[in-house]
């Protein structure tokens, strides 16, 4: 009677074939998480910068934006400006590829705050 091999080893072959696809999917999901987090960071930093600028001026705006963004995120110089009775701040972050530091493109977070005067 001839020996029959059947499906022996089939699971191993399917596993080897699926691993690259699974890793690619995990990398794509991770990239989406990083982009979402970068949007969140840019928006929060712009909000904090606009609030600080409305109360204390341009130097405080720049410092507040930098305080809320880590160095790995490659933030450019925040754009702090007064437009009428509103102080606006725009923060630009590089879009990370798989980890902050390896970048392509950029994300902008913009916020505004009503001008206030700090009591002395």
Protein backbone atom coordinates (compact mmCIF):
# COMPACT_ATOMS: atom_id res chain seq x y z
CA UNK A 1 0.00 0.00 0.00
CA UNK A 2 1.47 3.42 -0.97
CA UNK A 3 2.23 5.91 1.79
CA UNK A 4 -0.11 8.89 1.90
CA UNK A 5 1.09 12.24 3.15
CA UNK A 6 -2.27 14.05 3.09
CA UNK A 7 -2.28 17.53 4.60
CA UNK A 8 0.77 17.13 6.81
CA UNK A 9 2.74 20.39 6.90
CA UNK A 10 -0.06 22.45 5.38
CA UNK A 11 -0.49 24.60 8.50
CA UNK A 12 3.22 25.45 8.52
CA UNK A 13 3.12 26.51 4.87
CA UNK A 14 0.02 28.67 5.42
CA UNK A 15 1.59 30.25 8.51
CA UNK A 16 4.78 31.16 6.63
CA UNK A 17 2.68 32.65 3.83
CA UNK A 18 0.48 34.72 6.17
CA UNK A 19 3.15 36.13 8.49
CA UNK A 20 4.28 38.87 6.05
CA UNK A 21 0.68 39.93 5.47
CA UNK A 22 -0.03 40.06 9.19
CA UNK A 23 3.14 42.11 9.82
CA UNK A 24 2.19 44.51 7.03
CA UNK A 25 -1.26 44.95 8.53
CA UNK A 26 0.20 45.59 12.00
CA UNK A 27 2.59 48.19 10.53
CA UNK A 28 -0.30 49.93 8.72
CA UNK A 29 -2.39 50.05 11.90
CA UNK A 30 0.60 51.37 13.88
CA UNK A 31 1.15 54.11 11.27
CA UNK A 32 -2.50 55.16 11.58
CA UNK A 33 -2.12 55.32 15.37
CA UNK A 34 0.99 57.51 15.03
CA UNK A 35 -0.72 59.87 12.59
CA UNK A 36 -3.74 60.20 14.88
CA UNK A 37 -1.52 60.84 17.88
CA UNK A 38 0.44 63.47 15.91
CA UNK A 39 -2.84 65.26 15.07
CA UNK A 40 -3.79 65.18 18.73
CA UNK A 41 -0.38 66.49 19.85
CA UNK A 42 -0.36 69.29 17.26
CA UNK A 43 -3.86 70.43 18.20
CA UNK A 44 -3.15 70.38 21.92
CA UNK A 45 0.16 72.23 21.53
CA UNK A 46 -1.50 74.88 19.34
CA UNK A 47 -4.30 75.31 21.88
CA UNK A 48 -1.88 75.71 24.78
CA UNK A 49 0.32 78.07 22.75
CA UNK A 50 -2.61 80.29 21.72
CA UNK A 51 -3.80 80.52 25.32
CA UNK A 52 -0.32 81.41 26.61
CA UNK A 53 0.17 83.94 23.80
CA UNK A 54 -3.16 85.62 24.50
CA UNK A 55 -2.18 86.15 28.12
CA UNK A 56 1.60 86.70 28.05
CA UNK A 57 2.68 87.33 24.44
CA UNK A 58 4.72 85.69 21.66
CA UNK A 59 7.59 84.35 23.81
CA UNK A 60 5.13 82.50 26.05
CA UNK A 61 3.33 81.17 22.98
CA UNK A 62 6.51 79.61 21.60
CA UNK A 63 7.51 78.17 24.99
CA UNK A 64 4.06 76.67 25.61
CA UNK A 65 4.04 74.94 22.23
CA UNK A 66 7.49 73.44 22.79
CA UNK A 67 6.58 72.31 26.31
CA UNK A 68 3.87 69.98 25.01
CA UNK A 69 5.80 68.37 22.12
CA UNK A 70 8.71 65.97 22.60
CA UNK A 71 11.90 66.49 20.59
CA UNK A 72 11.39 63.26 18.61
CA UNK A 73 8.33 64.76 16.90
CA UNK A 74 10.40 67.26 14.86
CA UNK A 75 8.25 70.29 15.48
CA UNK A 76 9.00 73.35 13.37
CA UNK A 77 8.79 76.86 14.77
CA UNK A 78 5.26 77.60 15.98
CA UNK A 79 3.51 80.45 14.18
CA UNK A 80 2.18 82.79 16.87
CA UNK A 81 0.29 85.91 15.78
CA UNK A 82 -2.40 88.32 16.85
CA UNK A 83 -5.36 88.79 14.53
CA UNK A 84 -7.64 91.47 15.96
CA UNK A 85 -8.94 90.35 19.34
CA UNK A 86 -7.84 86.75 18.78
CA UNK A 87 -4.38 85.31 19.31
CA UNK A 88 -3.72 82.43 16.90
CA UNK A 89 -1.09 79.72 17.00
CA UNK A 90 -0.20 77.12 14.39
CA UNK A 91 2.00 74.15 15.24
CA UNK A 92 3.52 71.96 12.52
CA UNK A 93 4.69 68.39 13.17
CA UNK A 94 6.33 65.98 10.77
CA UNK A 95 4.27 62.87 10.02
CA UNK A 96 6.22 59.91 11.45
CA UNK A 97 6.82 56.69 9.51
CA UNK A 98 6.65 53.78 11.99
CA UNK A 99 8.34 55.85 14.73
CA UNK A 100 8.89 59.56 15.45
CA UNK A 101 12.12 60.68 13.81
CA UNK A 102 11.64 59.00 10.43
CA UNK A 103 9.30 61.46 8.72
CA UNK A 104 7.35 62.34 5.60
CA UNK A 105 4.90 65.22 5.11
CA UNK A 106 3.57 67.38 7.91
CA UNK A 107 0.53 67.94 10.11
CA UNK A 108 -0.74 71.36 11.17
CA UNK A 109 -2.59 72.11 14.39
CA UNK A 110 -4.22 75.54 14.62
CA UNK A 111 -5.97 77.20 17.55
CA UNK A 112 -7.07 80.62 18.70
CA UNK A 113 -7.78 82.30 22.02
CA UNK A 114 -9.39 85.61 22.92
CA UNK A 115 -6.87 88.28 23.91
CA UNK A 116 -6.53 88.80 27.64
CA UNK A 117 -4.49 91.09 29.79
CA UNK A 118 -2.66 89.67 32.76
CA UNK A 119 -3.21 91.68 35.93
CA UNK A 120 0.00 92.96 37.50
